[in-house]
All heavy atoms as atom14 arrays in JSON, in Angstrom:
{
  "sequence": "EEISLLSIDRIFDHIKSSLENEMLHSSIGK",
  "atom14_mask": [
    [1, 1, 1, 1, 1, 1, 1, 1, 1, 0, 0, 0, 0, 0],
    [1, 1, 1, 1, 1, 1, 1, 1, 1, 0, 0, 0, 0, 0],
    [1, 1, 1, 1, 1, 1, 1, 1, 0, 0, 0, 0, 0, 0],
    [1, 1, 1, 1, 1, 1, 0, 0, 0, 0, 0, 0, 0, 0],
    [1, 1, 1, 1, 1, 1, 1, 1, 0, 0, 0, 0, 0, 0],
    [1, 1, 1, 1, 1, 1, 1, 1, 0, 0, 0, 0, 0, 0],
    [1, 1, 1, 1, 1, 1, 0, 0, 0, 0, 0, 0, 0, 0],
    [1, 1, 1, 1, 1, 1, 1, 1, 0, 0, 0, 0, 0, 0],
    [1, 1, 1, 1, 1, 1, 1, 1, 0, 0, 0, 0, 0, 0],
    [1, 1, 1, 1, 1, 1, 1, 1, 1, 1, 1, 0, 0, 0],
    [1, 1, 1, 1, 1, 1, 1, 1, 0, 0, 0, 0, 0, 0],
    [1, 1, 1, 1, 1, 1, 1, 1, 1, 1, 1, 0, 0, 0],
    [1, 1, 1, 1, 1, 1, 1, 1, 0, 0, 0, 0, 0, 0],
    [1, 1, 1, 1, 1, 1, 1, 1, 1, 1, 0, 0, 0, 0],
    [1, 1, 1, 1, 1, 1, 1, 1, 0, 0, 0, 0, 0, 0],
    [1, 1, 1, 1, 1, 1, 1, 1, 1, 0, 0, 0, 0, 0],
    [1, 1, 1, 1, 1, 1, 0, 0, 0, 0, 0, 0, 0, 0],
    [1, 1, 1, 1, 1, 1, 0, 0, 0, 0, 0, 0, 0, 0],
    [1, 1, 1, 1, 1, 1, 1, 1, 0, 0, 0, 0, 0, 0],
    [1, 1, 1, 1, 1, 1, 1, 1, 1, 0, 0, 0, 0, 0],
    [1, 1, 1, 1, 1, 1, 1, 1, 0, 0, 0, 0, 0, 0],
    [1, 1, 1, 1, 1, 1, 1, 1, 1, 0, 0, 0, 0, 0],
    [1, 1, 1, 1, 1, 1, 1, 1, 0, 0, 0, 0, 0, 0],
    [1, 1, 1, 1, 1, 1, 1, 1, 0, 0, 0, 0, 0, 0],
    [1, 1, 1, 1, 1, 1, 1, 1, 1, 1, 0, 0, 0, 0],
    [1, 1, 1, 1, 1, 1, 0, 0, 0, 0, 0, 0, 0, 0],
    [1, 1, 1, 1, 1, 1, 0, 0, 0, 0, 0, 0, 0, 0],
    [1, 1, 1, 1, 1, 1, 1, 1, 0, 0, 0, 0, 0, 0],
    [1, 1, 1, 1, 0, 0, 0, 0, 0, 0, 0, 0, 0, 0],
    [1, 1, 1, 1, 1, 1, 1, 1, 1, 0, 0, 0, 0, 0]
  ],
  "atom14_positions": [
    [[10.61, -17.21, -31.95], [11.08, -18.61, -32.17], [11.25, -19.33, -30.84], [10.79, -20.49, -30.8], [12.41, -18.55, -32.84], [12.96, -19.99, -33.35], [14.19, -19.87, -34.16], [14.37, -18.93, -34.97], [14.98, -20.8, -33.99], [0.0, 0.0, 0.0], [0.0, 0.0, 0.0], [0.0, 0.0, 0.0], [0.0, 0.0, 0.0], [0.0, 0.0, 0.0]],
    [[11.75, -18.68, -29.79], [11.87, -19.28, -28.46], [10.51, -19.77, -27.98], [10.32, -20.87, -27.52], [12.56, -18.27, -27.51], [12.52, -18.7, -26.13], [12.77, -17.46, -25.15], [13.31, -16.46, -25.73], [12.53, -17.59, -23.98], [0.0, 0.0, 0.0], [0.0, 0.0, 0.0], [0.0, 0.0, 0.0], [0.0, 0.0, 0.0], [0.0, 0.0, 0.0]],
    [[9.5, -18.86, -28.06], [8.25, -19.11, -27.55], [7.46, -20.14, -28.3], [6.77, -21.01, -27.82], [7.46, -17.86, -27.29], [8.1, -16.91, -26.28], [5.97, -18.12, -27.07], [7.57, -15.58, -26.19], [0.0, 0.0, 0.0], [0.0, 0.0, 0.0], [0.0, 0.0, 0.0], [0.0, 0.0, 0.0], [0.0, 0.0, 0.0], [0.0, 0.0, 0.0]],
    [[7.67, -20.11, -29.62], [6.91, -21.07, -30.52], [7.41, -22.52, -30.24], [6.65, -23.48, -30.7], [7.2, -20.71, -31.98], [8.5, -20.92, -32.39], [0.0, 0.0, 0.0], [0.0, 0.0, 0.0], [0.0, 0.0, 0.0], [0.0, 0.0, 0.0], [0.0, 0.0, 0.0], [0.0, 0.0, 0.0], [0.0, 0.0, 0.0], [0.0, 0.0, 0.0]],
    [[8.57, -22.75, -29.66], [9.07, -24.06, -29.33], [8.45, -24.57, -28.03], [8.41, -25.83, -27.83], [10.56, -24.08, -29.18], [11.41, -23.72, -30.37], [12.86, -23.56, -30.0], [11.15, -24.75, -31.49], [0.0, 0.0, 0.0], [0.0, 0.0, 0.0], [0.0, 0.0, 0.0], [0.0, 0.0, 0.0], [0.0, 0.0, 0.0], [0.0, 0.0, 0.0]],
    [[7.72, -23.74, -27.33], [6.96, -24.19, -26.12], [5.65, -24.89, -26.53], [4.97, -24.35, -27.47], [6.72, -23.07, -25.21], [7.96, -22.27, -24.61], [7.52, -21.12, -23.77], [8.74, -23.24, -23.74], [0.0, 0.0, 0.0], [0.0, 0.0, 0.0], [0.0, 0.0, 0.0], [0.0, 0.0, 0.0], [0.0, 0.0, 0.0], [0.0, 0.0, 0.0]],
    [[5.21, -25.87, -25.74], [3.9, -26.41, -26.01], [2.9, -25.37, -25.5], [3.23, -24.5, -24.66], [3.67, -27.73, -25.24], [3.71, -27.44, -23.8], [0.0, 0.0, 0.0], [0.0, 0.0, 0.0], [0.0, 0.0, 0.0], [0.0, 0.0, 0.0], [0.0, 0.0, 0.0], [0.0, 0.0, 0.0], [0.0, 0.0, 0.0], [0.0, 0.0, 0.0]],
    [[1.68, -25.45, -25.96], [0.64, -24.53, -25.52], [0.37, -24.71, -24.04], [0.14, -23.72, -23.25], [-0.62, -24.64, -26.34], [-1.57, -23.42, -26.05], [-1.37, -25.99, -26.07], [-1.11, -22.11, -26.4], [0.0, 0.0, 0.0], [0.0, 0.0, 0.0], [0.0, 0.0, 0.0], [0.0, 0.0, 0.0], [0.0, 0.0, 0.0], [0.0, 0.0, 0.0]],
    [[0.52, -25.98, -23.54], [0.34, -26.21, -22.08], [1.41, -25.44, -21.3], [1.13, -25.01, -20.19], [0.34, -27.7, -21.74], [-0.83, -28.36, -22.37], [-2.0, -27.82, -22.3], [-0.81, -29.54, -22.76], [0.0, 0.0, 0.0], [0.0, 0.0, 0.0], [0.0, 0.0, 0.0], [0.0, 0.0, 0.0], [0.0, 0.0, 0.0], [0.0, 0.0, 0.0]],
    [[2.62, -25.39, -21.79], [3.69, -24.78, -21.12], [3.54, -23.24, -21.1], [3.73, -22.54, -20.15], [5.1, -25.08, -21.75], [6.24, -24.58, -21.01], [6.47, -25.33, -19.74], [7.6, -24.9, -19.03], [7.54, -24.32, -17.78], [6.27, -24.33, -17.17], [8.51, -23.77, -17.19], [0.0, 0.0, 0.0], [0.0, 0.0, 0.0], [0.0, 0.0, 0.0]],
    [[2.98, -22.76, -22.21], [2.66, -21.25, -22.3], [1.54, -20.95, -21.26], [1.63, -20.03, -20.61], [2.24, -20.88, -23.79], [3.39, -21.0, -24.67], [1.59, -19.53, -23.83], [3.11, -20.83, -26.13], [0.0, 0.0, 0.0], [0.0, 0.0, 0.0], [0.0, 0.0, 0.0], [0.0, 0.0, 0.0], [0.0, 0.0, 0.0], [0.0, 0.0, 0.0]],
    [[0.56, -21.84, -21.2], [-0.51, -21.57, -20.2], [0.14, -21.58, -18.78], [-0.31, -20.76, -17.97], [-1.56, -22.71, -20.26], [-2.45, -22.73, -21.41], [-3.12, -23.9, -21.85], [-2.74, -21.57, -22.14], [-4.03, -23.93, -22.89], [-3.65, -21.59, -23.25], [-4.33, -22.76, -23.68], [0.0, 0.0, 0.0], [0.0, 0.0, 0.0], [0.0, 0.0, 0.0]],
    [[0.92, -22.51, -18.52], [1.68, -22.62, -17.22], [2.35, -21.26, -16.86], [2.3, -20.75, -15.81], [2.65, -23.7, -17.13], [2.02, -25.14, -17.07], [0.83, -25.18, -16.72], [2.69, -26.06, -17.28], [0.0, 0.0, 0.0], [0.0, 0.0, 0.0], [0.0, 0.0, 0.0], [0.0, 0.0, 0.0], [0.0, 0.0, 0.0], [0.0, 0.0, 0.0]],
    [[3.09, -20.72, -17.95], [3.79, -19.44, -17.6], [2.78, -18.3, -17.39], [2.96, -17.48, -16.47], [4.6, -19.06, -18.89], [5.9, -19.77, -19.07], [6.96, -19.54, -18.23], [6.4, -20.72, -19.87], [8.0, -20.29, -18.54], [7.67, -21.04, -19.53], [0.0, 0.0, 0.0], [0.0, 0.0, 0.0], [0.0, 0.0, 0.0], [0.0, 0.0, 0.0]],
    [[1.67, -18.22, -18.13], [0.67, -17.15, -17.92], [0.08, -17.34, -16.57], [-0.06, -16.36, -15.8], [-0.3, -17.15, -19.1], [0.35, -16.79, -20.37], [-1.39, -16.12, -18.73], [-0.59, -16.87, -21.64], [0.0, 0.0, 0.0], [0.0, 0.0, 0.0], [0.0, 0.0, 0.0], [0.0, 0.0, 0.0], [0.0, 0.0, 0.0], [0.0, 0.0, 0.0]],
    [[-0.32, -18.56, -16.21], [-0.94, -18.84, -14.98], [-0.06, -18.45, -13.8], [-0.54, -17.74, -12.85], [-1.33, -20.39, -14.85], [-1.97, -20.68, -13.57], [-2.37, -22.19, -13.65], [-3.11, -22.58, -12.34], [-2.38, -23.24, -11.35], [0.0, 0.0, 0.0], [0.0, 0.0, 0.0], [0.0, 0.0, 0.0], [0.0, 0.0, 0.0], [0.0, 0.0, 0.0]],
    [[1.2, -18.78, -13.88], [2.19, -18.39, -12.81], [2.39, -16.94, -12.73], [2.39, -16.43, -11.67], [3.5, -19.15, -13.1], [4.49, -18.85, -12.24], [0.0, 0.0, 0.0], [0.0, 0.0, 0.0], [0.0, 0.0, 0.0], [0.0, 0.0, 0.0], [0.0, 0.0, 0.0], [0.0, 0.0, 0.0], [0.0, 0.0, 0.0], [0.0, 0.0, 0.0]],
    [[2.46, -16.28, -13.86], [2.59, -14.78, -13.85], [1.4, -14.1, -13.21], [1.56, -13.15, -12.52], [2.82, -14.35, -15.27], [4.06, -14.79, -15.77], [0.0, 0.0, 0.0], [0.0, 0.0, 0.0], [0.0, 0.0, 0.0], [0.0, 0.0, 0.0], [0.0, 0.0, 0.0], [0.0, 0.0, 0.0], [0.0, 0.0, 0.0], [0.0, 0.0, 0.0]],
    [[0.26, -14.64, -13.56], [-1.01, -14.07, -12.97], [-1.04, -14.31, -11.43], [-1.34, -13.39, -10.65], [-2.25, -14.73, -13.64], [-2.6, -14.28, -15.01], [-3.63, -15.21, -15.62], [-3.05, -12.82, -15.08], [0.0, 0.0, 0.0], [0.0, 0.0, 0.0], [0.0, 0.0, 0.0], [0.0, 0.0, 0.0], [0.0, 0.0, 0.0], [0.0, 0.0, 0.0]],
    [[-0.73, -15.51, -11.04], [-0.78, -15.91, -9.6], [0.29, -15.19, -8.8], [0.02, -14.86, -7.59], [-0.68, -17.41, -9.44], [-1.9, -18.15, -9.93], [-1.76, -19.67, -9.88], [-0.58, -20.15, -9.91], [-2.75, -20.33, -9.84], [0.0, 0.0, 0.0], [0.0, 0.0, 0.0], [0.0, 0.0, 0.0], [0.0, 0.0, 0.0], [0.0, 0.0, 0.0]],
    [[1.37, -14.9, -9.41], [2.48, -14.22, -8.73], [2.45, -12.7, -8.83], [3.41, -12.0, -8.65], [3.86, -14.75, -9.19], [4.01, -16.18, -8.74], [3.74, -16.6, -7.62], [4.52, -17.06, -9.6], [0.0, 0.0, 0.0], [0.0, 0.0, 0.0], [0.0, 0.0, 0.0], [0.0, 0.0, 0.0], [0.0, 0.0, 0.0], [0.0, 0.0, 0.0]],
    [[1.34, -12.23, -9.42], [1.14, -10.81, -9.54], [2.04, -10.05, -10.46], [2.19, -8.94, -10.37], [0.97, -10.06, -8.19], [-0.12, -10.64, -7.34], [-0.35, -9.9, -6.07], [0.43, -8.97, -5.75], [-1.26, -10.32, -5.29], [0.0, 0.0, 0.0], [0.0, 0.0, 0.0], [0.0, 0.0, 0.0], [0.0, 0.0, 0.0], [0.0, 0.0, 0.0]],
    [[2.71, -10.75, -11.38], [3.6, -10.2, -12.29], [2.79, -9.48, -13.34], [3.39, -8.62, -14.08], [4.45, -11.34, -13.01], [5.42, -11.87, -12.01], [6.29, -13.35, -12.63], [7.07, -12.68, -14.1], [0.0, 0.0, 0.0], [0.0, 0.0, 0.0], [0.0, 0.0, 0.0], [0.0, 0.0, 0.0], [0.0, 0.0, 0.0], [0.0, 0.0, 0.0]],
    [[1.57, -9.69, -13.57], [0.73, -9.03, -14.52], [-0.32, -8.15, -13.92], [-1.41, -7.87, -14.45], [0.06, -10.04, -15.48], [1.06, -10.99, -16.24], [0.4, -12.17, -16.91], [1.74, -10.11, -17.32], [0.0, 0.0, 0.0], [0.0, 0.0, 0.0], [0.0, 0.0, 0.0], [0.0, 0.0, 0.0], [0.0, 0.0, 0.0], [0.0, 0.0, 0.0]],
    [[-0.08, -7.73, -12.6], [-0.94, -7.0, -11.81], [-1.39, -5.67, -12.56], [-2.57, -5.2, -12.51], [-0.41, -6.69, -10.44], [-1.33, -6.76, -9.39], [-2.11, -7.83, -9.02], [-1.68, -5.83, -8.39], [-2.86, -7.58, -7.95], [-2.62, -6.39, -7.56], [0.0, 0.0, 0.0], [0.0, 0.0, 0.0], [0.0, 0.0, 0.0], [0.0, 0.0, 0.0]],
    [[-0.41, -5.01, -13.16], [-0.72, -3.74, -13.88], [-1.67, -3.97, -15.06], [-2.55, -3.15, -15.34], [0.5, -2.99, -14.29], [1.25, -3.77, -15.26], [0.0, 0.0, 0.0], [0.0, 0.0, 0.0], [0.0, 0.0, 0.0], [0.0, 0.0, 0.0], [0.0, 0.0, 0.0], [0.0, 0.0, 0.0], [0.0, 0.0, 0.0], [0.0, 0.0, 0.0]],
    [[-1.45, -5.17, -15.71], [-2.39, -5.43, -16.89], [-3.75, -5.69, -16.4], [-4.69, -5.23, -17.04], [-1.86, -6.69, -17.67], [-0.61, -6.37, -18.25], [0.0, 0.0, 0.0], [0.0, 0.0, 0.0], [0.0, 0.0, 0.0], [0.0, 0.0, 0.0], [0.0, 0.0, 0.0], [0.0, 0.0, 0.0], [0.0, 0.0, 0.0], [0.0, 0.0, 0.0]],
    [[-3.91, -6.38, -15.22], [-5.23, -6.56, -14.65], [-5.84, -5.25, -14.26], [-7.06, -5.0, -14.47], [-5.29, -7.6, -13.58], [-4.76, -8.98, -14.07], [-6.56, -7.66, -12.86], [-4.58, -10.05, -12.99], [0.0, 0.0, 0.0], [0.0, 0.0, 0.0], [0.0, 0.0, 0.0], [0.0, 0.0, 0.0], [0.0, 0.0, 0.0], [0.0, 0.0, 0.0]],
    [[-5.06, -4.44, -13.7], [-5.48, -3.03, -13.3], [-6.02, -2.28, -14.5], [-7.07, -1.61, -14.47], [0.0, 0.0, 0.0], [0.0, 0.0, 0.0], [0.0, 0.0, 0.0], [0.0, 0.0, 0.0], [0.0, 0.0, 0.0], [0.0, 0.0, 0.0], [0.0, 0.0, 0.0], [0.0, 0.0, 0.0], [0.0, 0.0, 0.0], [0.0, 0.0, 0.0]],
    [[-5.31, -2.31, -15.65], [-5.72, -1.65, -16.82], [-6.99, -2.22, -17.32], [-7.92, -1.51, -17.83], [-4.64, -1.68, -17.89], [-3.4, -0.89, -17.6], [-2.35, -1.14, -18.53], [-1.03, -0.45, -18.1], [0.13, -0.76, -18.98], [0.0, 0.0, 0.0], [0.0, 0.0, 0.0], [0.0, 0.0, 0.0], [0.0, 0.0, 0.0], [0.0, 0.0, 0.0]]
  ]
}
């Protein structure tokens, strides 16, 4: 419910930021 209230652009921003800040480094490694 919390996430569904975000615009798709805001969701993209979160993913982009997480990728750039290496928060998803293990996922990229996999």
